[in-house]
PDB file of N, CA and C in Angstrom:
ATOM      1  N   MET A   1     107.220  84.299  56.616  1.00  0.00           N
ATOM      2  CA  MET A   1     107.618  85.391  57.495  1.00  0.00           C
ATOM      3  C   MET A   1     106.986  86.683  56.991  1.00  0.00           C
ATOM      4  N   SER A   2     106.499  87.496  57.908  1.00  0.00           N
ATOM      5  CA  SER A   2     105.845  88.744  57.519  1.00  0.00           C
ATOM      6  C   SER A   2     106.878  89.818  57.215  1.00  0.00           C
ATOM      7  N   ASP A   3     106.458  90.771  56.418  1.00  0.00           N
ATOM      8  CA  ASP A   3     107.330  91.897  56.095  1.00  0.00           C
ATOM      9  C   ASP A   3     107.389  92.849  57.280  1.00  0.00           C
ATOM     10  N   MET A   4     108.566  93.327  57.566  1.00  0.00           N
ATOM     11  CA  MET A   4     108.743  94.301  58.634  1.00  0.00           C
ATOM     12  C   MET A   4     108.503  95.692  58.067  1.00  0.00           C
ATOM     13  N   GLN A   5     107.823  96.522  58.823  1.00  0.00           N
ATOM     14  CA  GLN A   5     107.567  97.880  58.393  1.00  0.00           C
ATOM     15  C   GLN A   5     108.691  98.780  58.877  1.00  0.00           C
ATOM     16  N   ASP A   6     109.203  99.615  57.990  1.00  0.00           N
ATOM     17  CA  ASP A   6     110.244 100.567  58.348  1.00  0.00           C
ATOM     18  C   ASP A   6     109.581 101.862  58.784  1.00  0.00           C
ATOM     19  N   TYR A   7     109.829 102.275  60.012  1.00  0.00           N
ATOM     20  CA  TYR A   7     109.293 103.533  60.501  1.00  0.00           C
ATOM     21  C   TYR A   7     110.291 104.626  60.147  1.00  0.00           C
ATOM     22  N   GLN A   8     109.876 105.503  59.267  1.00  0.00           N
ATOM     23  CA  GLN A   8     110.738 106.604  58.852  1.00  0.00           C
ATOM     24  C   GLN A   8     110.900 107.558  60.030  1.00  0.00           C
ATOM     25  N   SER A   9     112.055 107.530  60.632  1.00  0.00           N
ATOM     26  CA  SER A   9     112.314 108.341  61.810  1.00  0.00           C
ATOM     27  C   SER A   9     113.746 108.849  61.746  1.00  0.00           C
ATOM     28  N   SER A  10     113.930 110.121  62.087  1.00  0.00           N
ATOM     29  CA  SER A  10     115.280 110.679  62.091  1.00  0.00           C
ATOM     30  C   SER A  10     115.381 111.762  63.155  1.00  0.00           C
ATOM     31  N   LEU A  11     116.585 112.025  63.592  1.00  0.00           N
ATOM     32  CA  LEU A  11     116.799 113.065  64.581  1.00  0.00           C
ATOM     33  C   LEU A  11     116.558 114.449  63.994  1.00  0.00           C
ATOM     34  N   GLU A  12     116.828 114.600  62.693  1.00  0.00           N
ATOM     35  CA  GLU A  12     116.646 115.903  62.059  1.00  0.00           C
ATOM     36  C   GLU A  12     115.176 116.274  61.903  1.00  0.00           C
ATOM     37  N   ASP A  13     114.322 115.284  61.660  1.00  0.00           N
ATOM     38  CA  ASP A  13     112.893 115.535  61.465  1.00  0.00           C
ATOM     39  C   ASP A  13     112.165 115.328  62.784  1.00  0.00           C
ATOM     40  N   VAL A  14     111.893 116.432  63.486  1.00  0.00           N
ATOM     41  CA  VAL A  14     111.291 116.374  64.819  1.00  0.00           C
ATOM     42  C   VAL A  14     109.942 115.649  64.790  1.00  0.00           C
ATOM     43  N   ASN A  15     109.174 115.815  63.721  1.00  0.00           N
ATOM     44  CA  ASN A  15     107.846 115.195  63.633  1.00  0.00           C
ATOM     45  C   ASN A  15     107.897 113.686  63.444  1.00  0.00           C
ATOM     46  N   SER A  16     109.026 113.146  63.022  1.00  0.00           N
ATOM     47  CA  SER A  16     109.106 111.717  62.758  1.00  0.00           C
ATOM     48  C   SER A  16     109.535 110.896  63.972  1.00  0.00           C
ATOM     49  N   ARG A  17     109.967 111.535  65.030  1.00  0.00           N
ATOM     50  CA  ARG A  17     110.517 110.819  66.183  1.00  0.00           C
ATOM     51  C   ARG A  17     109.454 109.997  66.909  1.00  0.00           C
ATOM     52  N   LYS A  18     109.880 108.876  67.439  1.00  0.00           N
ATOM     53  CA  LYS A  18     108.990 107.965  68.156  1.00  0.00           C
ATOM     54  C   LYS A  18     109.341 107.983  69.642  1.00  0.00           C
ATOM     55  N   PHE A  19     108.293 107.850  70.480  1.00  0.00           N
ATOM     56  CA  PHE A  19     108.460 107.840  71.929  1.00  0.00           C
ATOM     57  C   PHE A  19     107.692 106.668  72.500  1.00  0.00           C
ATOM     58  N   GLU A  20     108.342 105.873  73.280  1.00  0.00           N
ATOM     59  CA  GLU A  20     107.697 104.761  73.953  1.00  0.00           C
ATOM     60  C   GLU A  20     106.913 103.880  72.963  1.00  0.00           C
ATOM     61  N   THR A  21     106.295 102.850  73.467  1.00  0.00           N
ATOM     62  CA  THR A  21     105.627 101.852  72.629  1.00  0.00           C
ATOM     63  C   THR A  21     104.464 102.411  71.827  1.00  0.00           C
ATOM     64  N   PHE A  22     103.607 103.198  72.455  1.00  0.00           N
ATOM     65  CA  PHE A  22     102.377 103.624  71.790  1.00  0.00           C
ATOM     66  C   PHE A  22     102.616 104.581  70.629  1.00  0.00           C
ATOM     67  N   SER A  23     103.788 105.202  70.533  1.00  0.00           N
ATOM     68  CA  SER A  23     104.015 106.157  69.453  1.00  0.00           C
ATOM     69  C   SER A  23     104.136 105.473  68.096  1.00  0.00           C
ATOM     70  N   TYR A  24     104.281 104.161  68.085  1.00  0.00           N
ATOM     71  CA  TYR A  24     104.344 103.424  66.824  1.00  0.00           C
ATOM     72  C   TYR A  24     102.950 103.050  66.333  1.00  0.00           C
ATOM     73  N   LEU A  25     101.955 103.363  67.111  1.00  0.00           N
ATOM     74  CA  LEU A  25     100.563 103.093  66.754  1.00  0.00           C
ATOM     75  C   LEU A  25      99.887 104.406  66.375  1.00  0.00           C
ATOM     76  N   PRO A  26      98.718 104.326  65.766  1.00  0.00           N
ATOM     77  CA  PRO A  26      97.983 105.576  65.523  1.00  0.00           C
ATOM     78  C   PRO A  26      97.723 106.297  66.840  1.00  0.00           C
ATOM     79  N   ALA A  27      97.572 107.607  66.769  1.00  0.00           N
ATOM     80  CA  ALA A  27      97.326 108.405  67.979  1.00  0.00           C
ATOM     81  C   ALA A  27      96.117 107.866  68.736  1.00  0.00           C
ATOM     82  N   MET A  28      96.242 107.825  70.062  1.00  0.00           N
ATOM     83  CA  MET A  28      95.142 107.323  70.887  1.00  0.00           C
ATOM     84  C   MET A  28      94.017 108.345  70.940  1.00  0.00           C
ATOM     85  N   GLU A  29      92.799 107.834  70.936  1.00  0.00           N
ATOM     86  CA  GLU A  29      91.637 108.694  71.106  1.00  0.00           C
ATOM     87  C   GLU A  29      91.359 108.828  72.604  1.00  0.00           C
ATOM     88  N   ALA A  30      90.449 109.731  72.947  1.00  0.00           N
ATOM     89  CA  ALA A  30      90.175 110.042  74.359  1.00  0.00           C
ATOM     90  C   ALA A  30      89.793 108.805  75.169  1.00  0.00           C
ATOM     91  N   ASP A  31      88.970 107.917  74.607  1.00  0.00           N
ATOM     92  CA  ASP A  31      88.560 106.727  75.360  1.00  0.00           C
ATOM     93  C   ASP A  31      89.718 105.754  75.552  1.00  0.00           C
ATOM     94  N   GLN A  32      90.649 105.709  74.610  1.00  0.00           N
ATOM     95  CA  GLN A  32      91.816 104.842  74.754  1.00  0.00           C
ATOM     96  C   GLN A  32      92.773 105.394  75.814  1.00  0.00           C
ATOM     97  N   ILE A  33      92.922 106.708  75.851  1.00  0.00           N
ATOM     98  CA  ILE A  33      93.748 107.324  76.895  1.00  0.00           C
ATOM     99  C   ILE A  33      93.120 107.066  78.257  1.00  0.00           C
ATOM    100  N   ARG A  34      91.804 107.195  78.338  1.00  0.00           N
ATOM    101  CA  ARG A  34      91.086 106.925  79.593  1.00  0.00           C
ATOM    102  C   ARG A  34      91.358 105.496  80.066  1.00  0.00           C
ATOM    103  N   LYS A  35      91.340 104.532  79.158  1.00  0.00           N
ATOM    104  CA  LYS A  35      91.602 103.136  79.536  1.00  0.00           C
ATOM    105  C   LYS A  35      93.018 102.962  80.066  1.00  0.00           C
ATOM    106  N   GLN A  36      93.963 103.698  79.504  1.00  0.00           N
ATOM    107  CA  GLN A  36      95.335 103.614  80.007  1.00  0.00           C
ATOM    108  C   GLN A  36      95.432 104.200  81.413  1.00  0.00           C
ATOM    109  N   VAL A  37      94.728 105.294  81.653  1.00  0.00           N
ATOM    110  CA  VAL A  37      94.705 105.886  83.001  1.00  0.00           C
ATOM    111  C   VAL A  37      94.034 104.919  83.972  1.00  0.00           C
ATOM    112  N   GLU A  38      92.956 104.297  83.552  1.00  0.00           N
ATOM    113  CA  GLU A  38      92.284 103.310  84.402  1.00  0.00           C
ATOM    114  C   GLU A  38      93.224 102.154  84.734  1.00  0.00           C
ATOM    115  N   PHE A  39      94.031 101.737  83.768  1.00  0.00           N
ATOM    116  CA  PHE A  39      94.995 100.664  84.003  1.00  0.00           C
ATOM    117  C   PHE A  39      96.030 101.092  85.041  1.00  0.00           C
ATOM    118  N   ILE A  40      96.556 102.302  84.895  1.00  0.00           N
ATOM    119  CA  ILE A  40      97.542 102.825  85.851  1.00  0.00           C
ATOM    120  C   ILE A  40      96.954 102.850  87.260  1.00  0.00           C
ATOM    121  N   VAL A  41      95.728 103.338  87.375  1.00  0.00           N
ATOM    122  CA  VAL A  41      95.056 103.402  88.683  1.00  0.00           C
ATOM    123  C   VAL A  41      94.808 102.000  89.230  1.00  0.00           C
ATOM    124  N   SER A  42      94.389 101.073  88.372  1.00  0.00           N
ATOM    125  CA  SER A  42      94.094  99.705  88.834  1.00  0.00           C
ATOM    126  C   SER A  42      95.329  98.995  89.370  1.00  0.00           C
ATOM    127  N   LYS A  43      96.500  99.375  88.874  1.00  0.00           N
ATOM    128  CA  LYS A  43      97.753  98.787  89.352  1.00  0.00           C
ATOM    129  C   LYS A  43      98.240  99.428  90.646  1.00  0.00           C
ATOM    130  N   GLY A  44      97.599 100.521  91.052  1.00  0.00           N
ATOM    131  CA  GLY A  44      98.036 101.227  92.253  1.00  0.00           C
ATOM    132  C   GLY A  44      99.238 102.114  92.010  1.00  0.00           C
ATOM    133  N   TRP A  45      99.532 102.397  90.745  1.00  0.00           N
ATOM    134  CA  TRP A  45     100.677 103.238  90.411  1.00  0.00           C
ATOM    135  C   TRP A  45     100.312 104.704  90.585  1.00  0.00           C
ATOM    136  N   ASN A  46     101.307 105.522  90.865  1.00  0.00           N
ATOM    137  CA  ASN A  46     101.105 106.960  91.028  1.00  0.00           C
ATOM    138  C   ASN A  46     101.264 107.650  89.673  1.00  0.00           C
ATOM    139  N   PRO A  47     100.206 108.314  89.211  1.00  0.00           N
ATOM    140  CA  PRO A  47     100.295 108.997  87.918  1.00  0.00           C
ATOM    141  C   PRO A  47     101.055 110.314  88.027  1.00  0.00           C
ATOM    142  N   ALA A  48     101.693 110.679  86.933  1.00  0.00           N
ATOM    143  CA  ALA A  48     102.381 111.964  86.839  1.00  0.00           C
ATOM    144  C   ALA A  48     102.281 112.447  85.398  1.00  0.00           C
ATOM    145  N   VAL A  49     102.343 113.749  85.238  1.00  0.00           N
ATOM    146  CA  VAL A  49     102.282 114.363  83.915  1.00  0.00           C
ATOM    147  C   VAL A  49     103.571 115.143  83.704  1.00  0.00           C
ATOM    148  N   GLU A  50     104.185 114.978  82.537  1.00  0.00           N
ATOM    149  CA  GLU A  50     105.397 115.702  82.176  1.00  0.00           C
ATOM    150  C   GLU A  50     105.220 116.295  80.786  1.00  0.00           C
ATOM    151  N   HIS A  51     106.041 117.303  80.481  1.00  0.00           N
ATOM    152  CA  HIS A  51     105.981 117.912  79.147  1.00  0.00           C
ATOM    153  C   HIS A  51     107.354 118.416  78.748  1.00  0.00           C
ATOM    154  N   THR A  52     107.554 118.588  77.450  1.00  0.00           N
ATOM    155  CA  THR A  52     108.782 119.173  76.924  1.00  0.00           C
ATOM    156  C   THR A  52     108.561 119.665  75.507  1.00  0.00           C
ATOM    157  N   GLU A  53     109.451 120.524  75.061  1.00  0.00           N
ATOM    158  CA  GLU A  53     109.413 120.986  73.689  1.00  0.00           C
ATOM    159  C   GLU A  53     109.802 119.828  72.776  1.00  0.00           C
ATOM    160  N   PRO A  54     109.179 119.700  71.607  1.00  0.00           N
ATOM    161  CA  PRO A  54     109.495 118.581  70.713  1.00  0.00           C
ATOM    162  C   PRO A  54     110.983 118.470  70.371  1.00  0.00           C
ATOM    163  N   GLU A  55     111.634 119.604  70.185  1.00  0.00           N
ATOM    164  CA  GLU A  55     113.052 119.553  69.809  1.00  0.00           C
ATOM    165  C   GLU A  55     113.949 119.114  70.964  1.00  0.00           C
ATOM    166  N   ASN A  56     113.448 119.121  72.202  1.00  0.00           N
ATOM    167  CA  ASN A  56     114.243 118.717  73.371  1.00  0.00           C
ATOM    168  C   ASN A  56     113.852 117.349  73.925  1.00  0.00           C
ATOM    169  N   ALA A  57     112.970 116.661  73.271  1.00  0.00           N
ATOM    170  CA  ALA A  57     112.409 115.432  73.841  1.00  0.00           C
ATOM    171  C   ALA A  57     113.433 114.320  74.043  1.00  0.00           C
ATOM    172  N   PHE A  58     114.508 114.317  73.282  1.00  0.00           N
ATOM    173  CA  PHE A  58     115.475 113.224  73.394  1.00  0.00           C
ATOM    174  C   PHE A  58     116.696 113.546  74.238  1.00  0.00           C
ATOM    175  N   ASP A  59     117.080 114.809  74.287  1.00  0.00           N
ATOM    176  CA  ASP A  59     118.337 115.105  74.949  1.00  0.00           C
ATOM    177  C   ASP A  59     118.211 116.024  76.156  1.00  0.00           C
ATOM    178  N   HIS A  60     117.001 116.145  76.677  1.00  0.00           N
ATOM    179  CA  HIS A  60     116.770 116.949  77.882  1.00  0.00           C
ATOM    180  C   HIS A  60     115.809 116.197  78.807  1.00  0.00           C
ATOM    181  N   TYR A  61     115.859 116.551  80.084  1.00  0.00           N
ATOM    182  CA  TYR A  61     114.846 116.035  80.991  1.00  0.00           C
ATOM    183  C   TYR A  61     113.509 116.683  80.657  1.00  0.00           C
ATOM    184  N   TRP A  62     112.443 115.964  80.899  1.00  0.00           N
ATOM    185  CA  TRP A  62     111.109 116.522  80.691  1.00  0.00           C
ATOM    186  C   TRP A  62     110.731 117.305  81.939  1.00  0.00           C
ATOM    187  N   TYR A  63     109.912 118.348  81.759  1.00  0.00           N
ATOM    188  CA  TYR A  63     109.455 119.161  82.885  1.00  0.00           C
ATOM    189  C   TYR A  63     108.292 118.457  83.575  1.00  0.00           C
ATOM    190  N   MET A  64     108.291 118.509  84.891  1.00  0.00           N
ATOM    191  CA  MET A  64     107.159 117.967  85.639  1.00  0.00           C
ATOM    192  C   MET A  64     106.019 118.969  85.616  1.00  0.00           C
ATOM    193  N   TRP A  65     104.825 118.483  85.421  1.00  0.00           N
ATOM    194  CA  TRP A  65     103.630 119.318  85.571  1.00  0.00           C
ATOM    195  C   TRP A  65     103.146 119.081  86.994  1.00  0.00           C
ATOM    196  N   LYS A  66     103.421 120.009  87.853  1.00  0.00           N
ATOM    197  CA  LYS A  66     103.115 119.889  89.277  1.00  0.00           C
ATOM    198  C   LYS A  66     103.857 118.679  89.842  1.00  0.00           C
ATOM    199  N   LEU A  67     103.459 118.201  90.995  1.00  0.00           N
ATOM    200  CA  LEU A  67     104.047 116.996  91.576  1.00  0.00           C
ATOM    201  C   LEU A  67     103.288 115.781  91.064  1.00  0.00           C
ATOM    202  N   PRO A  68     103.882 114.588  91.160  1.00  0.00           N
ATOM    203  CA  PRO A  68     103.097 113.396  90.808  1.00  0.00           C
ATOM    204  C   PRO A  68     101.820 113.347  91.651  1.00  0.00           C
ATOM    205  N   LEU A  69     100.805 112.746  91.118  1.00  0.00           N
ATOM    206  CA  LEU A  69      99.498 112.687  91.789  1.00  0.00           C
ATOM    207  C   LEU A  69      99.477 111.477  92.727  1.00  0.00           C
ATOM    208  N   PHE A  70     100.254 111.555  93.797  1.00  0.00           N
ATOM    209  CA  PHE A  70     100.402 110.447  94.730  1.00  0.00           C
ATOM    210  C   PHE A  70      99.051 109.993  95.266  1.00  0.00           C
ATOM    211  N   GLY A  71      98.732 108.723  95.066  1.00  0.00           N
ATOM    212  CA  GLY A  71      97.516 108.137  95.610  1.00  0.00           C
ATOM    213  C   GLY A  71      96.236 108.531  94.899  1.00  0.00           C
ATOM    214  N   GLU A  72      96.328 109.288  93.818  1.00  0.00           N
ATOM    215  CA  GLU A  72      95.113 109.723  93.115  1.00  0.00           C
ATOM    216  C   GLU A  72      94.481 108.531  92.382  1.00  0.00           C
ATOM    217  N   THR A  73      93.199 108.336  92.608  1.00  0.00           N
ATOM    218  CA  THR A  73      92.482 107.227  91.967  1.00  0.00           C
ATOM    219  C   THR A  73      91.336 107.705  91.084  1.00  0.00           C
ATOM    220  N   ASP A  74      91.088 109.010  91.060  1.00  0.00           N
ATOM    221  CA  ASP A  74      90.014 109.542  90.225  1.00  0.00           C
ATOM    222  C   ASP A  74      90.545 109.783  88.817  1.00  0.00           C
ATOM    223  N   VAL A  75      90.067 108.986  87.878  1.00  0.00           N
ATOM    224  CA  VAL A  75      90.530 109.057  86.490  1.00  0.00           C
ATOM    225  C   VAL A  75      90.273 110.440  85.905  1.00  0.00           C
ATOM    226  N   ASP A  76      89.137 111.039  86.204  1.00  0.00           N
ATOM    227  CA  ASP A  76      88.808 112.355  85.665  1.00  0.00           C
ATOM    228  C   ASP A  76      89.776 113.438  86.160  1.00  0.00           C
ATOM    229  N   THR A  77      90.209 113.347  87.400  1.00  0.00           N
ATOM    230  CA  THR A  77      91.183 114.302  87.944  1.00  0.00           C
ATOM    231  C   THR A  77      92.518 114.184  87.213  1.00  0.00           C
ATOM    232  N   ILE A  78      92.945 112.969  86.970  1.00  0.00           N
ATOM    233  CA  ILE A  78      94.208 112.725  86.274  1.00  0.00           C
ATOM    234  C   ILE A  78      94.135 113.252  84.840  1.00  0.00           C
ATOM    235  N   LEU A  79      93.036 112.941  84.159  1.00  0.00           N
ATOM    236  CA  LEU A  79      92.858 113.423  82.791  1.00  0.00           C
ATOM    237  C   LEU A  79      92.776 114.948  82.748  1.00  0.00           C
ATOM    238  N   ALA A  80      92.140 115.552  83.755  1.00  0.00           N
ATOM    239  CA  ALA A  80      92.032 117.012  83.810  1.00  0.00           C
ATOM    240  C   ALA A  80      93.417 117.648  83.954  1.00  0.00           C
ATOM    241  N   GLU A  81      94.297 117.043  84.733  1.00  0.00           N
ATOM    242  CA  GLU A  81      95.660 117.564  84.881  1.00  0.00           C
ATOM    243  C   GLU A  81      96.430 117.459  83.565  1.00  0.00           C
ATOM    244  N   ALA A  82      96.267 116.359  82.861  1.00  0.00           N
ATOM    245  CA  ALA A  82      96.935 116.203  81.562  1.00  0.00           C
ATOM    246  C   ALA A  82      96.418 117.243  80.569  1.00  0.00           C
ATOM    247  N   GLU A  83      95.117 117.457  80.569  1.00  0.00           N
ATOM    248  CA  GLU A  83      94.512 118.475  79.686  1.00  0.00           C
ATOM    249  C   GLU A  83      95.007 119.875  80.062  1.00  0.00           C
ATOM    250  N   ALA A  84      95.083 120.169  81.346  1.00  0.00           N
ATOM    251  CA  ALA A  84      95.554 121.482  81.804  1.00  0.00           C
ATOM    252  C   ALA A  84      96.998 121.719  81.363  1.00  0.00           C
ATOM    253  N   CYS A  85      97.818 120.694  81.455  1.00  0.00           N
ATOM    254  CA  CYS A  85      99.208 120.796  81.010  1.00  0.00           C
ATOM    255  C   CYS A  85      99.257 121.066  79.505  1.00  0.00           C
ATOM    256  N   HIS A  86      98.435 120.350  78.757  1.00  0.00           N
ATOM    257  CA  HIS A  86      98.399 120.529  77.302  1.00  0.00           C
ATOM    258  C   HIS A  86      97.924 121.940  76.936  1.00  0.00           C
ATOM    259  N   LYS A  87      96.927 122.449  77.643  1.00  0.00           N
ATOM    260  CA  LYS A  87      96.428 123.801  77.369  1.00  0.00           C
ATOM    261  C   LYS A  87      97.477 124.859  77.727  1.00  0.00           C
ATOM    262  N   ALA A  88      98.209 124.631  78.805  1.00  0.00           N
ATOM    263  CA  ALA A  88      99.230 125.584  79.235  1.00  0.00           C
ATOM    264  C   ALA A  88     100.456 125.559  78.318  1.00  0.00           C
ATOM    265  N   HIS A  89     100.702 124.411  77.697  1.00  0.00           N
ATOM    266  CA  HIS A  89     101.872 124.230  76.825  1.00  0.00           C
ATOM    267  C   HIS A  89     101.435 123.538  75.536  1.00  0.00           C
ATOM    268  N   PRO A  90     100.664 124.208  74.699  1.00  0.00           N
ATOM    269  CA  PRO A  90     100.077 123.547  73.523  1.00  0.00           C
ATOM    270  C   PRO A  90     101.093 123.077  72.485  1.00  0.00           C
ATOM    271  N   ASN A  91     102.294 123.644  72.486  1.00  0.00           N
ATOM    272  CA  ASN A  91     103.307 123.226  71.507  1.00  0.00           C
ATOM    273  C   ASN A  91     104.224 122.136  72.035  1.00  0.00           C
ATOM    274  N   ASN A  92     104.018 121.712  73.273  1.00  0.00           N
ATOM    275  CA  ASN A  92     104.879 120.696  73.881  1.00  0.00           C
ATOM    276  C   ASN A  92     104.274 119.306  73.787  1.00  0.00           C
ATOM    277  N   HIS A  93     105.154 118.301  73.832  1.00  0.00           N
ATOM    278  CA  HIS A  93     104.701 116.927  74.015  1.00  0.00           C
ATOM    279  C   HIS A  93     104.286 116.797  75.478  1.00  0.00           C
ATOM    280  N   VAL A  94     103.220 116.068  75.724  1.00  0.00           N
ATOM    281  CA  VAL A  94     102.764 115.804  77.094  1.00  0.00           C
ATOM    282  C   VAL A  94     102.695 114.289  77.260  1.00  0.00           C
ATOM    283  N   ARG A  95     103.318 113.805  78.307  1.00  0.00           N
ATOM    284  CA  ARG A  95     103.261 112.365  78.545  1.00  0.00           C
ATOM    285  C   ARG A  95     102.705 112.065  79.926  1.00  0.00           C
ATOM    286  N   LEU A  96     102.092 110.901  80.015  1.00  0.00           N
ATOM    287  CA  LEU A  96     101.523 110.390  81.257  1.00  0.00           C
ATOM    288  C   LEU A  96     102.403 109.238  81.721  1.00  0.00           C
ATOM    289  N   ILE A  97     102.737 109.249  82.989  1.00  0.00           N
ATOM    290  CA  ILE A  97     103.594 108.207  83.573  1.00  0.00           C
ATOM    291  C   ILE A  97     102.873 107.579  84.739  1.00  0.00           C
ATOM    292  N   GLY A  98     103.054 106.281  84.910  1.00  0.00           N
ATOM    293  CA  GLY A  98     102.568 105.581  86.086  1.00  0.00           C
ATOM    294  C   GLY A  98     103.764 105.050  86.853  1.00  0.00           C
ATOM    295  N   TYR A  99     104.034 105.616  88.025  1.00  0.00           N
ATOM    296  CA  TYR A  99     105.172 105.181  88.839  1.00  0.00           C
ATOM    297  C   TYR A  99     104.773 104.006  89.720  1.00  0.00           C
ATOM    298  N   ASP A 100     105.550 102.946  89.621  1.00  0.00           N
ATOM    299  CA  ASP A 100     105.330 101.734  90.398  1.00  0.00           C
ATOM    300  C   ASP A 100     106.168 101.826  91.672  1.00  0.00           C
ATOM    301  N   ASN A 101     105.513 102.044  92.817  1.00  0.00           N
ATOM    302  CA  ASN A 101     106.237 102.175  94.087  1.00  0.00           C
ATOM    303  C   ASN A 101     107.003 100.911  94.455  1.00  0.00           C
ATOM    304  N   TYR A 102     106.430  99.756  94.173  1.00  0.00           N
ATOM    305  CA  TYR A 102     107.056  98.493  94.567  1.00  0.00           C
ATOM    306  C   TYR A 102     108.351  98.261  93.792  1.00  0.00           C
ATOM    307  N   ALA A 103     108.289  98.386  92.471  1.00  0.00           N
ATOM    308  CA  ALA A 103     109.477  98.167  91.636  1.00  0.00           C
ATOM    309  C   ALA A 103     110.379  99.394  91.595  1.00  0.00           C
ATOM    310  N   GLN A 104     109.883 100.507  92.103  1.00  0.00           N
ATOM    311  CA  GLN A 104     110.606 101.777  92.101  1.00  0.00           C
ATOM    312  C   GLN A 104     111.068 102.143  90.693  1.00  0.00           C
ATOM    313  N   SER A 105     110.112 102.086  89.779  1.00  0.00           N
ATOM    314  CA  SER A 105     110.390 102.418  88.383  1.00  0.00           C
ATOM    315  C   SER A 105     109.099 102.879  87.721  1.00  0.00           C
ATOM    316  N   GLN A 106     109.204 103.219  86.466  1.00  0.00           N
ATOM    317  CA  GLN A 106     108.012 103.566  85.704  1.00  0.00           C
ATOM    318  C   GLN A 106     107.337 102.282  85.248  1.00  0.00           C
ATOM    319  N   GLY A 107     106.068 102.145  85.585  1.00  0.00           N
ATOM    320  CA  GLY A 107     105.312 100.988  85.123  1.00  0.00           C
ATOM    321  C   GLY A 107     104.676 101.252  83.773  1.00  0.00           C
ATOM    322  N   ALA A 108     104.425 102.522  83.480  1.00  0.00           N
ATOM    323  CA  ALA A 108     103.833 102.928  82.211  1.00  0.00           C
ATOM    324  C   ALA A 108     104.324 104.325  81.873  1.00  0.00           C
ATOM    325  N   SER A 109     104.478 104.587  80.592  1.00  0.00           N
ATOM    326  CA  SER A 109     104.874 105.907  80.124  1.00  0.00           C
ATOM    327  C   SER A 109     104.419 106.039  78.685  1.00  0.00           C
ATOM    328  N   MET A 110     103.651 107.092  78.401  1.00  0.00           N
ATOM    329  CA  MET A 110     103.146 107.268  77.044  1.00  0.00           C
ATOM    330  C   MET A 110     102.923 108.741  76.745  1.00  0.00           C
ATOM    331  N   VAL A 111     103.258 109.148  75.529  1.00  0.00           N
ATOM    332  CA  VAL A 111     102.963 110.503  75.079  1.00  0.00           C
ATOM    333  C   VAL A 111     101.498 110.526  74.686  1.00  0.00           C
ATOM    334  N   ILE A 112     100.730 111.407  75.331  1.00  0.00           N
ATOM    335  CA  ILE A 112      99.297 111.454  75.026  1.00  0.00           C
ATOM    336  C   ILE A 112      98.913 112.678  74.205  1.00  0.00           C
ATOM    337  N   PHE A 113      99.799 113.681  74.172  1.00  0.00           N
ATOM    338  CA  PHE A 113      99.617 114.833  73.286  1.00  0.00           C
ATOM    339  C   PHE A 113     100.956 115.122  72.636  1.00  0.00           C
ATOM    340  N   ARG A 114     100.953 115.205  71.319  1.00  0.00           N
ATOM    341  CA  ARG A 114     102.182 115.560  70.605  1.00  0.00           C
ATOM    342  C   ARG A 114     102.152 117.046  70.285  1.00  0.00           C
ATOM    343  N   GLY A 115     103.248 117.712  70.628  1.00  0.00           N
ATOM    344  CA  GLY A 115     103.351 119.133  70.329  1.00  0.00           C
ATOM    345  C   GLY A 115     103.768 119.361  68.896  1.00  0.00           C
ATOM    346  N   LYS A 116     103.641 120.586  68.483  1.00  0.00           N
ATOM    347  CA  LYS A 116     104.057 120.958  67.137  1.00  0.00           C
ATOM    348  C   LYS A 116     105.322 121.788  67.250  1.00  0.00           C
ATOM    349  N   PRO A 117     106.352 121.415  66.500  1.00  0.00           N
ATOM    350  CA  PRO A 117     107.598 122.197  66.578  1.00  0.00           C
ATOM    351  C   PRO A 117     107.374 123.623  66.083  1.00  0.00           C
ATOM    352  N   VAL A 118     108.076 124.542  66.682  1.00  0.00           N
ATOM    353  CA  VAL A 118     107.938 125.950  66.331  1.00  0.00           C
ATOM    354  C   VAL A 118     108.716 126.259  65.080  1.00  0.00           C
TER     355      VAL A 118
END
């Protein structure tokens, strides 16, 4: 049996908190984020961008960055919106969501930019 890795995470240490599956992996590079956006588009899911302050990520709703990009299939447009959100709120976490219309739920959700606590 393999050894399990303990992820040092606590509510008091804002930098140690984990979000969704990908936060347990090393930070994604630009090409890996692009592949995730391509996956969301290939599934026909509607992408959306949200953000929040690191200290509010667990106990508050995240803010929507504009409306979800209903029907958007251009990967560069989606990435540009995520970048614009990050530039407008550089200290906030920014996440990308893929809404699945059929299942009426989130098909994908990942933090693509981690903010720095103030």
